[in-house]
Each structure stands twice: as C-alpha cells, then as structure tokens.
C-alpha cells in the first residue's frame, strides 16, 4: 500500500482570509491553486487532450525522444519527487528508464492523488510509493520523513509558468534546497505565436472555460460567496510584453460579489485574475535556473520548438 503523508491541513479560516483579501484587491485575484479541486483536476486532464493544447504532447515527445539522455543525466535507482503529480502519468513514463527506488507524488488534491497512486501500485509494485499532500505554492520544503536525499524533483507541464519570473526565481531556490544534492527535471513552455497560445487557453469546446469557471463554485464553497456562473465569462489574454497568458473571470454585468463579512463590487467588464502562464525562451530559462543555484544545465526541445525540458543539478551550499 502507498504511504501517505498529509502536510496540507485545510485551515478554513485561513483560506477564507486569503480568498477575501484577494477579492478585495484591485484588480481582484484568486490564486491558481484553487483551480485544482477534484473536478478542476479532472477538467485539466481533459484540457491536455485537446488538439489546441500542445504542451503536454510536446513534453511527451521530448521525453520519449531524449529519454536515454535524460536517464543518463539523472541516474537510476533514486527517489523521484513529482510536484503537482495529478494522475501520476507523466512521472510513470519515466519509470522504466529511471528505475526509481521510491516515487513521491506531491499534490494539493489529496483524494485525487490517493486514487492515482492506488492505480499506479498495480503497474509498479517494485517501486515504493509515497503520497504527499501539501501546498508548495509558497515554496518547497519537503518533510524530514523522506530522508536526506538526494532527490530528483520533477516539475512537468510548465507549471513554473504560473509564477511571475521573480516568484519563479524564489521558488526554484527553494527547490534547489529541497533536492538535497540531487537535481531538477522541469518542463517549460516556450514563447511562440500569439494565435496558437490564445487557442490553447480559449479552446472551441470551452473546456478551459469550464476549468476556470469552476473556480466560482470553489469560491461559493470555501468563502460562502454568492457567485453565479451565468454572471461571468472565461477570458484568456496574451500579454506580449510579459510573455504570458493571463486567465480571468470577467463580470458580464454590474454586480456585487458578497460573502459573510465582506463584499466585492464589480462593474461589467471587470475581471478576477485567476492564473498566469509565463512563456520562456530557452536561454532566459537557463539563466533563471543558474540564478537559482542550479548548474550543469541540459536542455531538449521538440521538433516544433514549442516546448523545452531541462535537467539541472543542484549546486551545493
């Protein structure tokens, strides 16, 4: 049976304070971590299957093509720590090459993670499986129960893009410490044409819209807001200057979003900022890794030059 360590203890009062503070900012904002409840995680899985959303397939093609080089850089028989593990499928593709002794799946959606690990156990009974329920959005600090390391931290899917570059630098510095002498394997979405990026985050089937608007249900559940789905639309905007896609929930009419003890008036057209997805040129991201204390950086890309995968070793000290 997989072992489970839960460091994410829902503090409903703290969650309400965080959400209320974000909604009272101008413009209002909500952390993207709240997009990933059980339903949100499944909707994101569906997004990765859309023809317009290419990062997942591009990352998979890079890993498949360069798996030998990746395995040579990482080595075999170690501990693989998977950040934002979800259904664990991305990490599982590495198992045959890396032959990890232990796999630590980290996710805030604990129930979803539990089901994924139980399914993985049947396919890989030789691997020690650990589920770690935690929120690492403010920095990665792994529990002492995992031992001294070294660890290979896996951060796929370009989730690093949810951070601004300054936030990404701070986060990567925490990851370097968490590696405990190991390394990082990370997927990064690249800068490309605005049209394809726009379609990737505003697909014709509106799966991404459902993913984003599900956040309104989360606000109702967690904060007690009176948000109505029909009052908001999903909006994805590409900011060329910042090389990032922004996701918003835009009010379709003048309204007041109310909750016990607070409210947020919104005019028609005003937006709640729900997610960033920053894109990087390979040289810029390599510089970011080195500034965070990583070295021996190796990078691979897909044939379309739309995505990059990097491995870097955590420098000591």
C-alpha atoms as a PDB file:
ATOM      1  CA  UNK A   1       0.000   0.000   0.000  1.00  0.00           C
ATOM      2  CA  UNK A   2       1.261   3.508  -0.758  1.00  0.00           C
ATOM      3  CA  UNK A   3       2.272   5.582   2.232  1.00  0.00           C
ATOM      4  CA  UNK A   4       0.525   8.928   2.676  1.00  0.00           C
ATOM      5  CA  UNK A   5       1.906  11.987   4.420  1.00  0.00           C
ATOM      6  CA  UNK A   6      -0.505  14.890   4.716  1.00  0.00           C
ATOM      7  CA  UNK A   7       1.004  18.302   5.359  1.00  0.00           C
ATOM      8  CA  UNK A   8      -1.977  20.070   3.844  1.00  0.00           C
ATOM      9  CA  UNK A   9      -4.427  20.516   6.673  1.00  0.00           C
ATOM     10  CA  UNK A  10      -7.289  22.636   5.477  1.00  0.00           C
ATOM     11  CA  UNK A  11      -7.478  25.736   7.664  1.00  0.00           C
ATOM     12  CA  UNK A  12     -10.857  27.001   6.557  1.00  0.00           C
ATOM     13  CA  UNK A  13     -10.464  30.320   8.379  1.00  0.00           C
ATOM     14  CA  UNK A  14      -7.055  30.973   6.755  1.00  0.00           C
ATOM     15  CA  UNK A  15      -8.449  30.010   3.352  1.00  0.00           C
ATOM     16  CA  UNK A  16     -11.358  32.427   3.787  1.00  0.00           C
ATOM     17  CA  UNK A  17      -8.991  35.224   4.804  1.00  0.00           C
ATOM     18  CA  UNK A  18      -6.748  34.588   1.772  1.00  0.00           C
ATOM     19  CA  UNK A  19      -9.631  34.468  -0.675  1.00  0.00           C
ATOM     20  CA  UNK A  20     -11.343  37.538   0.790  1.00  0.00           C
ATOM     21  CA  UNK A  21      -8.097  39.535   0.709  1.00  0.00           C
ATOM     22  CA  UNK A  22      -7.517  38.604  -2.925  1.00  0.00           C
ATOM     23  CA  UNK A  23     -11.040  39.556  -3.980  1.00  0.00           C
ATOM     24  CA  UNK A  24     -10.693  42.921  -2.247  1.00  0.00           C
ATOM     25  CA  UNK A  25      -7.556  43.784  -4.243  1.00  0.00           C
ATOM     26  CA  UNK A  26      -7.831  45.907  -7.359  1.00  0.00           C
ATOM     27  CA  UNK A  27      -7.936  44.135  -9.690  1.00  0.00           C
ATOM     28  CA  UNK A  28      -9.381  41.174  -7.758  1.00  0.00           C
ATOM     29  CA  UNK A  29      -7.357  37.983  -7.886  1.00  0.00           C
ATOM     30  CA  UNK A  30      -7.528  34.362  -6.728  1.00  0.00           C
ATOM     31  CA  UNK A  31      -4.512  32.042  -6.509  1.00  0.00           C
ATOM     32  CA  UNK A  32      -4.472  29.400  -9.285  1.00  0.00           C
ATOM     33  CA  UNK A  33      -4.012  26.672  -6.664  1.00  0.00           C
ATOM     34  CA  UNK A  34      -7.755  26.941  -6.014  1.00  0.00           C
ATOM     35  CA  UNK A  35      -8.457  25.793  -9.573  1.00  0.00           C
ATOM     36  CA  UNK A  36      -7.410  22.262  -8.625  1.00  0.00           C
ATOM     37  CA  UNK A  37     -10.098  20.587  -6.595  1.00  0.00           C
ATOM     38  CA  UNK A  38     -11.129  17.077  -7.684  1.00  0.00           C
ATOM     39  CA  UNK A  39     -13.312  18.417 -10.511  1.00  0.00           C
ATOM     40  CA  UNK A  40     -10.748  21.011 -11.544  1.00  0.00           C
ATOM     41  CA  UNK A  41      -8.021  18.353 -11.709  1.00  0.00           C
ATOM     42  CA  UNK A  42     -10.171  16.206 -13.991  1.00  0.00           C
ATOM     43  CA  UNK A  43     -11.038  19.166 -16.188  1.00  0.00           C
ATOM     44  CA  UNK A  44      -7.346  19.967 -16.533  1.00  0.00           C
ATOM     45  CA  UNK A  45      -6.722  16.360 -17.605  1.00  0.00           C
ATOM     46  CA  UNK A  46      -9.328  16.905 -20.310  1.00  0.00           C
ATOM     47  CA  UNK A  47      -7.596  20.143 -21.384  1.00  0.00           C
ATOM     48  CA  UNK A  48      -4.362  18.237 -22.005  1.00  0.00           C
ATOM     49  CA  UNK A  49      -6.189  16.034 -24.518  1.00  0.00           C
ATOM     50  CA  UNK A  50      -7.419  18.976 -26.614  1.00  0.00           C
ATOM     51  CA  UNK A  51      -5.741  19.432 -30.015  1.00  0.00           C
ATOM     52  CA  UNK A  52      -5.279  23.143 -29.271  1.00  0.00           C
ATOM     53  CA  UNK A  53      -3.339  22.472 -26.056  1.00  0.00           C
ATOM     54  CA  UNK A  54       0.067  21.288 -27.243  1.00  0.00           C
ATOM     55  CA  UNK A  55       2.406  21.462 -24.197  1.00  0.00           C
ATOM     56  CA  UNK A  56       1.530  18.016 -22.862  1.00  0.00           C
ATOM     57  CA  UNK A  57       2.119  16.271 -26.183  1.00  0.00           C
ATOM     58  CA  UNK A  58       5.247  18.324 -26.899  1.00  0.00           C
ATOM     59  CA  UNK A  59       6.698  17.470 -23.496  1.00  0.00           C
ATOM     60  CA  UNK A  60       5.851  13.797 -24.021  1.00  0.00           C
ATOM     61  CA  UNK A  61       7.584  13.763 -27.410  1.00  0.00           C
ATOM     62  CA  UNK A  62      10.705  15.354 -25.915  1.00  0.00           C
ATOM     63  CA  UNK A  63      10.837  12.796 -23.112  1.00  0.00           C
ATOM     64  CA  UNK A  64      10.267   9.893 -25.485  1.00  0.00           C
ATOM     65  CA  UNK A  65      12.933  11.111 -27.927  1.00  0.00           C
ATOM     66  CA  UNK A  66      15.578  12.001 -25.361  1.00  0.00           C
ATOM     67  CA  UNK A  67      14.803   9.530 -22.593  1.00  0.00           C
ATOM     68  CA  UNK A  68      18.251   7.945 -22.797  1.00  0.00           C
ATOM     69  CA  UNK A  69      19.995  11.292 -22.354  1.00  0.00           C
ATOM     70  CA  UNK A  70      17.617  12.259 -19.555  1.00  0.00           C
ATOM     71  CA  UNK A  71      18.255   8.988 -17.732  1.00  0.00           C
ATOM     72  CA  UNK A  72      21.998   9.440 -18.162  1.00  0.00           C
ATOM     73  CA  UNK A  73      21.790  12.894 -16.615  1.00  0.00           C
ATOM     74  CA  UNK A  74      19.665  11.752 -13.662  1.00  0.00           C
ATOM     75  CA  UNK A  75      20.906   8.224 -12.977  1.00  0.00           C
ATOM     76  CA  UNK A  76      18.855   5.269 -11.808  1.00  0.00           C
ATOM     77  CA  UNK A  77      17.592   3.834  -8.548  1.00  0.00           C
ATOM     78  CA  UNK A  78      16.939   7.095  -6.713  1.00  0.00           C
ATOM     79  CA  UNK A  79      13.964   8.980  -5.346  1.00  0.00           C
ATOM     80  CA  UNK A  80      11.708  10.836  -7.787  1.00  0.00           C
ATOM     81  CA  UNK A  81       9.659  13.694  -6.277  1.00  0.00           C
ATOM     82  CA  UNK A  82       6.801  14.715  -8.571  1.00  0.00           C
ATOM     83  CA  UNK A  83       5.366  18.197  -7.980  1.00  0.00           C
ATOM     84  CA  UNK A  84       1.710  18.606  -8.894  1.00  0.00           C
ATOM     85  CA  UNK A  85       1.556  14.903  -9.634  1.00  0.00           C
ATOM     86  CA  UNK A  86      -2.139  14.775 -10.579  1.00  0.00           C
ATOM     87  CA  UNK A  87      -2.786  11.361 -12.144  1.00  0.00           C
ATOM     88  CA  UNK A  88       0.971  10.491 -11.958  1.00  0.00           C
ATOM     89  CA  UNK A  89       1.033   9.639 -15.677  1.00  0.00           C
ATOM     90  CA  UNK A  90       3.934  11.938 -16.604  1.00  0.00           C
ATOM     91  CA  UNK A  91       6.213  10.501 -13.946  1.00  0.00           C
ATOM     92  CA  UNK A  92       5.174   6.929 -14.705  1.00  0.00           C
ATOM     93  CA  UNK A  93       6.515   7.321 -18.264  1.00  0.00           C
ATOM     94  CA  UNK A  94       9.982   7.709 -16.730  1.00  0.00           C
ATOM     95  CA  UNK A  95       9.870   4.618 -14.520  1.00  0.00           C
ATOM     96  CA  UNK A  96      11.308   2.073 -16.952  1.00  0.00           C
ATOM     97  CA  UNK A  97      14.327   4.282 -17.743  1.00  0.00           C
ATOM     98  CA  UNK A  98      14.975   5.735 -14.284  1.00  0.00           C
ATOM     99  CA  UNK A  99      14.002   2.648 -12.272  1.00  0.00           C
ATOM    100  CA  UNK A 100      13.290   4.758  -9.191  1.00  0.00           C
ATOM    101  CA  UNK A 101      13.532   3.077  -5.833  1.00  0.00           C
ATOM    102  CA  UNK A 102      10.905   5.460  -4.487  1.00  0.00           C
ATOM    103  CA  UNK A 103       8.327   7.765  -6.023  1.00  0.00           C
ATOM    104  CA  UNK A 104       6.937  10.682  -4.015  1.00  0.00           C
ATOM    105  CA  UNK A 105       3.807  12.170  -5.573  1.00  0.00           C
ATOM    106  CA  UNK A 106       3.068  15.698  -4.307  1.00  0.00           C
ATOM    107  CA  UNK A 107      -0.289  17.371  -4.822  1.00  0.00           C
ATOM    108  CA  UNK A 108      -2.764  19.601  -3.030  1.00  0.00           C
ATOM    109  CA  UNK A 109      -5.719  17.490  -4.271  1.00  0.00           C
ATOM    110  CA  UNK A 110      -5.178  14.638  -1.816  1.00  0.00           C
ATOM    111  CA  UNK A 111      -8.204  12.490  -2.693  1.00  0.00           C
ATOM    112  CA  UNK A 112      -7.374  12.625  -6.396  1.00  0.00           C
ATOM    113  CA  UNK A 113      -3.758  11.750  -5.591  1.00  0.00           C
ATOM    114  CA  UNK A 114      -4.760   8.793  -3.448  1.00  0.00           C
ATOM    115  CA  UNK A 115      -6.750   7.215  -6.274  1.00  0.00           C
ATOM    116  CA  UNK A 116      -3.889   7.774  -8.744  1.00  0.00           C
ATOM    117  CA  UNK A 117      -1.318   6.091  -6.500  1.00  0.00           C
ATOM    118  CA  UNK A 118      -3.521   3.100  -5.824  1.00  0.00           C
ATOM    119  CA  UNK A 119      -3.835   2.583  -9.580  1.00  0.00           C
ATOM    120  CA  UNK A 120      -0.079   3.048 -10.055  1.00  0.00           C
ATOM    121  CA  UNK A 121       0.703   0.427  -7.424  1.00  0.00           C
ATOM    122  CA  UNK A 122      -0.749  -2.325  -9.601  1.00  0.00           C
ATOM    123  CA  UNK A 123       1.546  -1.431 -12.510  1.00  0.00           C
ATOM    124  CA  UNK A 124       4.717  -0.833 -10.490  1.00  0.00           C
ATOM    125  CA  UNK A 125       4.722  -2.971  -7.349  1.00  0.00           C
ATOM    126  CA  UNK A 126       8.544  -2.756  -7.261  1.00  0.00           C
ATOM    127  CA  UNK A 127       8.511   0.997  -6.507  1.00  0.00           C
ATOM    128  CA  UNK A 128       7.941   2.388  -3.021  1.00  0.00           C
ATOM    129  CA  UNK A 129       5.067   4.840  -3.427  1.00  0.00           C
ATOM    130  CA  UNK A 130       4.541   7.848  -1.184  1.00  0.00           C
ATOM    131  CA  UNK A 131       1.732  10.375  -1.454  1.00  0.00           C
ATOM    132  CA  UNK A 132       2.498  13.801  -0.043  1.00  0.00           C
ATOM    133  CA  UNK A 133      -0.444  16.139   0.363  1.00  0.00           C
ATOM    134  CA  UNK A 134       0.886  19.671   0.531  1.00  0.00           C
ATOM    135  CA  UNK A 135       0.602  23.174  -0.846  1.00  0.00           C
ATOM    136  CA  UNK A 136       4.029  24.084  -2.230  1.00  0.00           C
ATOM    137  CA  UNK A 137       2.947  27.314  -3.939  1.00  0.00           C
ATOM    138  CA  UNK A 138       4.815  29.452  -1.398  1.00  0.00           C
ATOM    139  CA  UNK A 139       7.984  27.338  -1.626  1.00  0.00           C
ATOM    140  CA  UNK A 140       9.008  23.696  -1.500  1.00  0.00           C
ATOM    141  CA  UNK A 141      10.001  22.313   1.899  1.00  0.00           C
ATOM    142  CA  UNK A 142       9.979  18.510   1.952  1.00  0.00           C
ATOM    143  CA  UNK A 143       9.313  16.708   5.246  1.00  0.00           C
ATOM    144  CA  UNK A 144      12.151  15.083   7.175  1.00  0.00           C
ATOM    145  CA  UNK A 145      10.344  11.738   6.917  1.00  0.00           C
ATOM    146  CA  UNK A 146      11.614  11.475   3.340  1.00  0.00           C
ATOM    147  CA  UNK A 147      15.227  11.231   4.493  1.00  0.00           C
ATOM    148  CA  UNK A 148      18.385  13.003   3.431  1.00  0.00           C
ATOM    149  CA  UNK A 149      18.224  12.588  -0.339  1.00  0.00           C
ATOM    150  CA  UNK A 150      19.500  13.137  -2.946  1.00  0.00           C
ATOM    151  CA  UNK A 151      16.190  13.689  -4.713  1.00  0.00           C
ATOM    152  CA  UNK A 152      15.310  14.268  -8.336  1.00  0.00           C
ATOM    153  CA  UNK A 153      12.482  16.781  -8.375  1.00  0.00           C
ATOM    154  CA  UNK A 154      10.149  16.511 -11.368  1.00  0.00           C
ATOM    155  CA  UNK A 155       8.118  19.610 -12.245  1.00  0.00           C
ATOM    156  CA  UNK A 156       6.444  18.905 -15.596  1.00  0.00           C
ATOM    157  CA  UNK A 157       3.789  20.612 -17.662  1.00  0.00           C
ATOM    158  CA  UNK A 158       5.244  24.134 -17.488  1.00  0.00           C
ATOM    159  CA  UNK A 159       3.556  24.735 -14.139  1.00  0.00           C
ATOM    160  CA  UNK A 160       6.515  27.006 -13.362  1.00  0.00           C
ATOM    161  CA  UNK A 161       4.760  29.446 -15.700  1.00  0.00           C
ATOM    162  CA  UNK A 162       2.113  30.096 -13.037  1.00  0.00           C
ATOM    163  CA  UNK A 163       4.747  32.136 -11.208  1.00  0.00           C
ATOM    164  CA  UNK A 164       5.981  35.536 -12.345  1.00  0.00           C
ATOM    165  CA  UNK A 165       9.729  35.451 -13.145  1.00  0.00           C
ATOM    166  CA  UNK A 166      10.603  36.907  -9.729  1.00  0.00           C
ATOM    167  CA  UNK A 167       8.343  34.403  -8.000  1.00  0.00           C
ATOM    168  CA  UNK A 168       9.787  31.606 -10.138  1.00  0.00           C
ATOM    169  CA  UNK A 169      13.309  32.525  -9.034  1.00  0.00           C
ATOM    170  CA  UNK A 170      12.329  32.360  -5.359  1.00  0.00           C
ATOM    171  CA  UNK A 171      10.502  29.078  -5.900  1.00  0.00           C
ATOM    172  CA  UNK A 172      13.391  27.483  -7.795  1.00  0.00           C
ATOM    173  CA  UNK A 173      15.747  28.459  -4.977  1.00  0.00           C
ATOM    174  CA  UNK A 174      13.515  26.532  -2.570  1.00  0.00           C
ATOM    175  CA  UNK A 175      13.525  23.572  -4.975  1.00  0.00           C
ATOM    176  CA  UNK A 176      17.331  23.614  -5.097  1.00  0.00           C
ATOM    177  CA  UNK A 177      17.436  23.203  -1.317  1.00  0.00           C
ATOM    178  CA  UNK A 178      14.728  20.520  -1.426  1.00  0.00           C
ATOM    179  CA  UNK A 179      16.776  18.479  -3.942  1.00  0.00           C
ATOM    180  CA  UNK A 180      19.276  17.790  -1.134  1.00  0.00           C
ATOM    181  CA  UNK A 181      22.140  17.298  -3.535  1.00  0.00           C
ATOM    182  CA  UNK A 182      20.073  15.915  -6.397  1.00  0.00           C
ATOM    183  CA  UNK A 183      18.613  17.674  -9.401  1.00  0.00           C
ATOM    184  CA  UNK A 184      15.587  19.058 -11.189  1.00  0.00           C
ATOM    185  CA  UNK A 185      13.781  17.875 -14.332  1.00  0.00           C
ATOM    186  CA  UNK A 186      11.393  20.594 -15.459  1.00  0.00           C
ATOM    187  CA  UNK A 187       9.124  21.321 -18.412  1.00  0.00           C
ATOM    188  CA  UNK A 188       8.858  24.875 -19.736  1.00  0.00           C
ATOM    189  CA  UNK A 189       6.516  26.289 -22.376  1.00  0.00           C
ATOM    190  CA  UNK A 190       8.290  28.453 -24.933  1.00  0.00           C
ATOM    191  CA  UNK A 191       7.389  31.799 -26.451  1.00  0.00           C
ATOM    192  CA  UNK A 192       5.544  31.270 -29.719  1.00  0.00           C
ATOM    193  CA  UNK A 193       2.909  32.907 -31.912  1.00  0.00           C
ATOM    194  CA  UNK A 194       0.011  34.611 -30.172  1.00  0.00           C
ATOM    195  CA  UNK A 195      -2.706  32.814 -32.148  1.00  0.00           C
ATOM    196  CA  UNK A 196      -1.720  29.304 -31.065  1.00  0.00           C
ATOM    197  CA  UNK A 197      -1.253  30.437 -27.465  1.00  0.00           C
ATOM    198  CA  UNK A 198      -4.671  32.067 -27.439  1.00  0.00           C
ATOM    199  CA  UNK A 199      -6.345  28.897 -28.730  1.00  0.00           C
ATOM    200  CA  UNK A 200      -4.544  26.775 -26.168  1.00  0.00           C
ATOM    201  CA  UNK A 201      -6.214  28.726 -23.352  1.00  0.00           C
ATOM    202  CA  UNK A 202      -9.547  29.501 -25.011  1.00  0.00           C
ATOM    203  CA  UNK A 203     -10.433  26.303 -26.860  1.00  0.00           C
ATOM    204  CA  UNK A 204     -13.523  25.969 -29.074  1.00  0.00           C
ATOM    205  CA  UNK A 205     -15.007  23.232 -26.851  1.00  0.00           C
ATOM    206  CA  UNK A 206     -14.741  25.601 -23.888  1.00  0.00           C
ATOM    207  CA  UNK A 207     -13.147  23.002 -21.623  1.00  0.00           C
ATOM    208  CA  UNK A 208     -10.698  25.629 -20.369  1.00  0.00           C
ATOM    209  CA  UNK A 209     -13.644  27.931 -19.734  1.00  0.00           C
ATOM    210  CA  UNK A 210     -15.268  25.241 -17.582  1.00  0.00           C
ATOM    211  CA  UNK A 211     -11.963  24.741 -15.735  1.00  0.00           C
ATOM    212  CA  UNK A 212     -11.702  28.452 -14.998  1.00  0.00           C
ATOM    213  CA  UNK A 213     -15.376  28.999 -14.154  1.00  0.00           C
ATOM    214  CA  UNK A 214     -15.313  26.042 -11.752  1.00  0.00           C
ATOM    215  CA  UNK A 215     -13.378  28.453  -9.539  1.00  0.00           C
ATOM    216  CA  UNK A 216     -16.648  30.299  -8.922  1.00  0.00           C
ATOM    217  CA  UNK A 217     -18.091  27.126  -7.383  1.00  0.00           C
ATOM    218  CA  UNK A 218     -14.952  26.854  -5.250  1.00  0.00           C
ATOM    219  CA  UNK A 219     -15.424  30.423  -4.013  1.00  0.00           C
ATOM    220  CA  UNK A 220     -19.002  29.608  -3.074  1.00  0.00           C
ATOM    221  CA  UNK A 221     -17.880  26.502  -1.194  1.00  0.00           C
ATOM    222  CA  UNK A 222     -14.808  27.906   0.550  1.00  0.00           C
ATOM    223  CA  UNK A 223     -15.733  31.538   1.183  1.00  0.00           C
ATOM    224  CA  UNK A 224     -19.510  31.428   1.025  1.00  0.00           C
ATOM    225  CA  UNK A 225     -19.763  33.821  -1.921  1.00  0.00           C
ATOM    226  CA  UNK A 226     -22.937  34.152  -3.936  1.00  0.00           C
ATOM    227  CA  UNK A 227     -21.222  33.900  -7.326  1.00  0.00           C
ATOM    228  CA  UNK A 228     -23.390  32.787 -10.248  1.00  0.00           C
ATOM    229  CA  UNK A 229     -21.840  31.062 -13.241  1.00  0.00           C
ATOM    230  CA  UNK A 230     -24.028  32.975 -15.651  1.00  0.00           C
ATOM    231  CA  UNK A 231     -22.614  36.300 -14.402  1.00  0.00           C
ATOM    232  CA  UNK A 232     -19.045  35.588 -15.523  1.00  0.00           C
ATOM    233  CA  UNK A 233     -17.228  34.508 -18.656  1.00  0.00           C
ATOM    234  CA  UNK A 234     -13.807  32.964 -19.113  1.00  0.00           C
ATOM    235  CA  UNK A 235     -11.254  35.278 -20.681  1.00  0.00           C
ATOM    236  CA  UNK A 236      -7.707  34.441 -21.807  1.00  0.00           C
ATOM    237  CA  UNK A 237      -5.395  37.295 -22.808  1.00  0.00           C
ATOM    238  CA  UNK A 238      -1.836  37.110 -24.161  1.00  0.00           C
ATOM    239  CA  UNK A 239       0.414  39.834 -22.733  1.00  0.00           C
ATOM    240  CA  UNK A 240       3.176  40.141 -25.327  1.00  0.00           C
ATOM    241  CA  UNK A 241       5.386  42.385 -23.190  1.00  0.00           C
ATOM    242  CA  UNK A 242       5.377  39.926 -20.282  1.00  0.00           C
ATOM    243  CA  UNK A 243       5.342  36.809 -22.491  1.00  0.00           C
ATOM    244  CA  UNK A 244       2.442  35.331 -20.592  1.00  0.00           C
ATOM    245  CA  UNK A 245      -1.129  34.200 -20.969  1.00  0.00           C
ATOM    246  CA  UNK A 246      -3.450  35.577 -18.304  1.00  0.00           C
ATOM    247  CA  UNK A 247      -6.718  33.888 -17.373  1.00  0.00           C
ATOM    248  CA  UNK A 248      -9.549  35.949 -15.956  1.00  0.00           C
ATOM    249  CA  UNK A 249     -13.181  35.676 -14.974  1.00  0.00           C
ATOM    250  CA  UNK A 250     -14.921  38.721 -16.443  1.00  0.00           C
ATOM    251  CA  UNK A 251     -18.161  40.093 -14.991  1.00  0.00           C
ATOM    252  CA  UNK A 252     -20.921  40.269 -17.594  1.00  0.00           C
ATOM    253  CA  UNK A 253     -22.951  42.851 -15.639  1.00  0.00           C
ATOM    254  CA  UNK A 254     -22.596  45.236 -12.732  1.00  0.00           C
ATOM    255  CA  UNK A 255     -22.762  43.108  -9.588  1.00  0.00           C
ATOM    256  CA  UNK A 256     -21.601  42.756  -6.001  1.00  0.00           C
ATOM    257  CA  UNK A 257     -19.909  39.524  -5.023  1.00  0.00           C
ATOM    258  CA  UNK A 258     -20.866  39.035  -1.371  1.00  0.00           C
ATOM    259  CA  UNK A 259     -19.758  36.651   1.371  1.00  0.00           C
ATOM    260  CA  UNK A 260     -20.166  36.553   5.155  1.00  0.00           C
ATOM    261  CA  UNK A 261     -18.323  39.596   6.446  1.00  0.00           C
ATOM    262  CA  UNK A 262     -17.386  41.138   3.120  1.00  0.00           C
ATOM    263  CA  UNK A 263     -18.204  42.036  -0.463  1.00  0.00           C
ATOM    264  CA  UNK A 264     -16.579  42.980  -3.746  1.00  0.00           C
ATOM    265  CA  UNK A 265     -18.445  45.321  -6.118  1.00  0.00           C
ATOM    266  CA  UNK A 266     -17.625  44.649  -9.755  1.00  0.00           C
ATOM    267  CA  UNK A 267     -18.583  46.647 -12.803  1.00  0.00           C
ATOM    268  CA  UNK A 268     -19.438  44.935 -16.069  1.00  0.00           C
ATOM    269  CA  UNK A 269     -16.159  44.064 -17.768  1.00  0.00           C
ATOM    270  CA  UNK A 270     -14.144  43.978 -14.528  1.00  0.00           C
ATOM    271  CA  UNK A 271     -12.058  40.850 -14.109  1.00  0.00           C
ATOM    272  CA  UNK A 272     -10.905  38.447 -11.427  1.00  0.00           C
ATOM    273  CA  UNK A 273      -7.330  37.411 -12.304  1.00  0.00           C
ATOM    274  CA  UNK A 274      -7.099  33.638 -11.802  1.00  0.00           C
ATOM    275  CA  UNK A 275      -3.879  32.436 -13.461  1.00  0.00           C
ATOM    276  CA  UNK A 276      -0.701  33.424 -15.266  1.00  0.00           C
ATOM    277  CA  UNK A 277       1.152  31.150 -17.668  1.00  0.00           C
ATOM    278  CA  UNK A 278       4.550  32.642 -18.443  1.00  0.00           C
ATOM    279  CA  UNK A 279       6.467  31.535 -21.534  1.00  0.00           C
ATOM    280  CA  UNK A 280      10.271  31.476 -21.783  1.00  0.00           C
ATOM    281  CA  UNK A 281      12.980  31.490 -24.387  1.00  0.00           C
ATOM    282  CA  UNK A 282      15.399  28.620 -23.563  1.00  0.00           C
ATOM    283  CA  UNK A 283      18.365  30.919 -22.852  1.00  0.00           C
ATOM    284  CA  UNK A 284      16.268  33.007 -20.467  1.00  0.00           C
ATOM    285  CA  UNK A 285      15.103  29.985 -18.520  1.00  0.00           C
ATOM    286  CA  UNK A 286      18.604  28.534 -18.311  1.00  0.00           C
ATOM    287  CA  UNK A 287      19.745  31.853 -16.835  1.00  0.00           C
ATOM    288  CA  UNK A 288      16.893  31.637 -14.318  1.00  0.00           C
ATOM    289  CA  UNK A 289      17.980  28.140 -13.272  1.00  0.00           C
ATOM    290  CA  UNK A 290      21.570  29.260 -12.816  1.00  0.00           C
ATOM    291  CA  UNK A 291      20.483  32.300 -10.802  1.00  0.00           C
ATOM    292  CA  UNK A 292      18.538  29.921  -8.531  1.00  0.00           C
ATOM    293  CA  UNK A 293      21.671  27.891  -7.807  1.00  0.00           C
ATOM    294  CA  UNK A 294      21.489  25.107 -10.373  1.00  0.00           C
ATOM    295  CA  UNK A 295      24.364  24.051 -12.602  1.00  0.00           C
ATOM    296  CA  UNK A 296      25.219  21.617 -15.411  1.00  0.00           C
ATOM    297  CA  UNK A 297      22.026  22.621 -17.197  1.00  0.00           C
ATOM    298  CA  UNK A 298      20.985  20.458 -20.154  1.00  0.00           C
ATOM    299  CA  UNK A 299      18.009  21.236 -22.370  1.00  0.00           C
ATOM    300  CA  UNK A 300      15.976  19.478 -25.038  1.00  0.00           C
ATOM    301  CA  UNK A 301      13.176  20.708 -27.295  1.00  0.00           C
ATOM    302  CA  UNK A 302      10.552  19.309 -29.660  1.00  0.00           C
ATOM    303  CA  UNK A 303      10.638  19.477 -33.445  1.00  0.00           C
ATOM    304  CA  UNK A 304       8.302  22.489 -33.499  1.00  0.00           C
ATOM    305  CA  UNK A 305      10.433  24.347 -30.912  1.00  0.00           C
ATOM    306  CA  UNK A 306       7.337  24.985 -28.820  1.00  0.00           C
ATOM    307  CA  UNK A 307       8.442  23.440 -25.522  1.00  0.00           C
ATOM    308  CA  UNK A 308      11.616  22.716 -23.566  1.00  0.00           C
ATOM    309  CA  UNK A 309      12.653  20.170 -20.966  1.00  0.00           C
ATOM    310  CA  UNK A 310      15.630  20.965 -18.753  1.00  0.00           C
ATOM    311  CA  UNK A 311      17.677  18.940 -16.314  1.00  0.00           C
ATOM    312  CA  UNK A 312      19.919  20.759 -13.876  1.00  0.00           C
ATOM    313  CA  UNK A 313      21.971  19.684 -10.885  1.00  0.00           C
ATOM    314  CA  UNK A 314      21.521  21.456  -7.572  1.00  0.00           C
ATOM    315  CA  UNK A 315      24.727  23.221  -6.594  1.00  0.00           C
ATOM    316  CA  UNK A 316      25.946  22.683  -3.062  1.00  0.00           C
ATOM    317  CA  UNK A 317      25.885  25.415  -0.474  1.00  0.00           C
END
